[in-house]
Amino acid sequence: MFGKRNVETGEEEPGPRELVRLAIPKRVSTQSHVAYIVEVVEEVSRPREKLKPFRFLEQAHFLRHFTAQYGMMEGPSSKRTFSK
C-alpha cells in the first residue's frame, strides 16, 4: 500500500515495509474488548498464506491508499497473477 508505481515500467513496487495500524480508543475499551481484538487478530493471521492479495484498480497521485479502489488478485499471496 505504501509502495509506488515505477514510472518507466508501470509496475507496482512494494514499499520498504508494509505496516498495519490498529487504533483502539482507550477511553471506551475494556479489557474484554482488547482480549477480543487479540483473539480476532490471531485467528485472521493463521491462514495468511492462503489469503489473496489486492491490487490497485484506481488511485490518486497523492495519498492513494485513502481513496483507492482495490481488486482481488488470483491465487494465494505467493502467486502474483491478476484477476479483473
C-alpha atoms as a PDB file:
ATOM      1  CA  MET A   1       0.000   0.000   0.000  1.00  0.00           C
ATOM      2  CA  PHE A   2       2.866   2.392   0.718  1.00  0.00           C
ATOM      3  CA  GLY A   3       4.811   1.346  -2.337  1.00  0.00           C
ATOM      4  CA  LYS A   4       4.772   3.277  -5.570  1.00  0.00           C
ATOM      5  CA  ARG A   5       4.318   2.790  -9.287  1.00  0.00           C
ATOM      6  CA  ASN A   6       7.505   2.656 -11.366  1.00  0.00           C
ATOM      7  CA  VAL A   7       7.223   5.481 -13.904  1.00  0.00           C
ATOM      8  CA  GLU A   8       9.227   3.647 -16.572  1.00  0.00           C
ATOM      9  CA  THR A   9       7.646   0.179 -16.364  1.00  0.00           C
ATOM     10  CA  GLY A  10       4.248   0.968 -14.819  1.00  0.00           C
ATOM     11  CA  GLU A  11       4.739  -1.879 -12.317  1.00  0.00           C
ATOM     12  CA  GLU A  12       3.903  -1.554  -8.637  1.00  0.00           C
ATOM     13  CA  GLU A  13       6.985  -1.508  -6.409  1.00  0.00           C
ATOM     14  CA  PRO A  14       6.451  -2.579  -2.802  1.00  0.00           C
ATOM     15  CA  GLY A  15       7.313  -0.185  -0.006  1.00  0.00           C
ATOM     16  CA  PRO A  16      10.261  -0.895   2.280  1.00  0.00           C
ATOM     17  CA  ARG A  17       7.814  -2.044   4.988  1.00  0.00           C
ATOM     18  CA  GLU A  18       4.129  -2.837   4.822  1.00  0.00           C
ATOM     19  CA  LEU A  19       2.606  -1.912   8.158  1.00  0.00           C
ATOM     20  CA  VAL A  20      -0.913  -2.085   9.509  1.00  0.00           C
ATOM     21  CA  ARG A  21      -2.081   0.396  12.094  1.00  0.00           C
ATOM     22  CA  LEU A  22      -4.566  -0.833  14.642  1.00  0.00           C
ATOM     23  CA  ALA A  23      -6.148   2.046  16.552  1.00  0.00           C
ATOM     24  CA  ILE A  24      -8.109   1.203  19.682  1.00  0.00           C
ATOM     25  CA  PRO A  25      -9.832   4.054  21.546  1.00  0.00           C
ATOM     26  CA  LYS A  26      -8.580   3.588  25.094  1.00  0.00           C
ATOM     27  CA  ARG A  27     -11.260   5.622  26.838  1.00  0.00           C
ATOM     28  CA  VAL A  28     -14.089   3.331  25.793  1.00  0.00           C
ATOM     29  CA  SER A  29     -12.261  -0.008  25.551  1.00  0.00           C
ATOM     30  CA  THR A  30     -12.400  -2.506  28.371  1.00  0.00           C
ATOM     31  CA  GLN A  31     -10.019  -5.394  28.978  1.00  0.00           C
ATOM     32  CA  SER A  32     -12.574  -7.736  27.369  1.00  0.00           C
ATOM     33  CA  HIS A  33     -12.621  -5.554  24.225  1.00  0.00           C
ATOM     34  CA  VAL A  34      -8.836  -5.756  23.927  1.00  0.00           C
ATOM     35  CA  ALA A  35      -8.845  -9.520  24.606  1.00  0.00           C
ATOM     36  CA  TYR A  36     -11.417  -9.991  21.834  1.00  0.00           C
ATOM     37  CA  ILE A  37      -9.333  -7.912  19.396  1.00  0.00           C
ATOM     38  CA  VAL A  38      -6.270 -10.040  20.189  1.00  0.00           C
ATOM     39  CA  GLU A  39      -8.275 -13.231  19.528  1.00  0.00           C
ATOM     40  CA  VAL A  40      -9.543 -11.923  16.192  1.00  0.00           C
ATOM     41  CA  VAL A  41      -6.080 -10.812  15.041  1.00  0.00           C
ATOM     42  CA  GLU A  42      -4.648 -14.228  15.949  1.00  0.00           C
ATOM     43  CA  GLU A  43      -7.478 -16.004  14.101  1.00  0.00           C
ATOM     44  CA  VAL A  44      -7.089 -13.887  10.973  1.00  0.00           C
ATOM     45  CA  SER A  45      -3.304 -14.255  10.884  1.00  0.00           C
ATOM     46  CA  ARG A  46      -3.334 -18.077  10.925  1.00  0.00           C
ATOM     47  CA  PRO A  47      -4.283 -18.675   7.260  1.00  0.00           C
ATOM     48  CA  ARG A  48      -2.283 -15.678   5.953  1.00  0.00           C
ATOM     49  CA  GLU A  49      -0.515 -17.730   3.239  1.00  0.00           C
ATOM     50  CA  LYS A  50      -3.916 -18.659   1.786  1.00  0.00           C
ATOM     51  CA  LEU A  51      -5.224 -15.081   1.692  1.00  0.00           C
ATOM     52  CA  LYS A  52      -5.429 -13.452  -1.703  1.00  0.00           C
ATOM     53  CA  PRO A  53      -3.608 -10.130  -2.114  1.00  0.00           C
ATOM     54  CA  PHE A  54      -5.220  -6.992  -3.515  1.00  0.00           C
ATOM     55  CA  ARG A  55      -4.114  -4.679  -6.291  1.00  0.00           C
ATOM     56  CA  PHE A  56      -4.969  -1.079  -7.102  1.00  0.00           C
ATOM     57  CA  LEU A  57      -7.718  -0.584  -9.682  1.00  0.00           C
ATOM     58  CA  GLU A  58      -7.913   3.204  -9.378  1.00  0.00           C
ATOM     59  CA  GLN A  59      -5.717   5.501  -7.331  1.00  0.00           C
ATOM     60  CA  ALA A  60      -4.982   9.162  -6.735  1.00  0.00           C
ATOM     61  CA  HIS A  61      -1.493  10.531  -7.331  1.00  0.00           C
ATOM     62  CA  PHE A  62      -1.075  11.528  -3.667  1.00  0.00           C
ATOM     63  CA  LEU A  63      -2.329   9.616  -0.602  1.00  0.00           C
ATOM     64  CA  ARG A  64      -3.619   6.922  -2.915  1.00  0.00           C
ATOM     65  CA  HIS A  65      -4.421   4.440  -0.154  1.00  0.00           C
ATOM     66  CA  PHE A  66      -7.177   6.695   1.275  1.00  0.00           C
ATOM     67  CA  THR A  67      -9.301   6.947  -1.864  1.00  0.00           C
ATOM     68  CA  ALA A  68      -8.144   3.991  -3.947  1.00  0.00           C
ATOM     69  CA  GLN A  69     -10.311   1.222  -5.322  1.00  0.00           C
ATOM     70  CA  TYR A  70      -8.887  -2.277  -4.975  1.00  0.00           C
ATOM     71  CA  GLY A  71      -9.361  -5.584  -6.768  1.00  0.00           C
ATOM     72  CA  MET A  72      -8.596  -9.130  -5.633  1.00  0.00           C
ATOM     73  CA  MET A  73      -5.621 -10.891  -7.240  1.00  0.00           C
ATOM     74  CA  GLU A  74      -5.828 -14.560  -8.199  1.00  0.00           C
ATOM     75  CA  GLY A  75      -4.090 -17.191  -6.099  1.00  0.00           C
ATOM     76  CA  PRO A  76      -2.506 -17.031  -2.661  1.00  0.00           C
ATOM     77  CA  SER A  77      -0.053 -14.328  -1.635  1.00  0.00           C
ATOM     78  CA  SER A  78       2.901 -16.220  -3.065  1.00  0.00           C
ATOM     79  CA  LYS A  79       1.376 -16.071  -6.569  1.00  0.00           C
ATOM     80  CA  ARG A  80       1.093 -12.636  -8.132  1.00  0.00           C
ATOM     81  CA  THR A  81      -1.337 -13.129 -11.029  1.00  0.00           C
ATOM     82  CA  PHE A  82      -4.063 -10.553 -11.564  1.00  0.00           C
ATOM     83  CA  SER A  83      -7.811 -11.002 -11.916  1.00  0.00           C
ATOM     84  CA  LYS A  84     -10.328  -8.463 -13.165  1.00  0.00           C
END
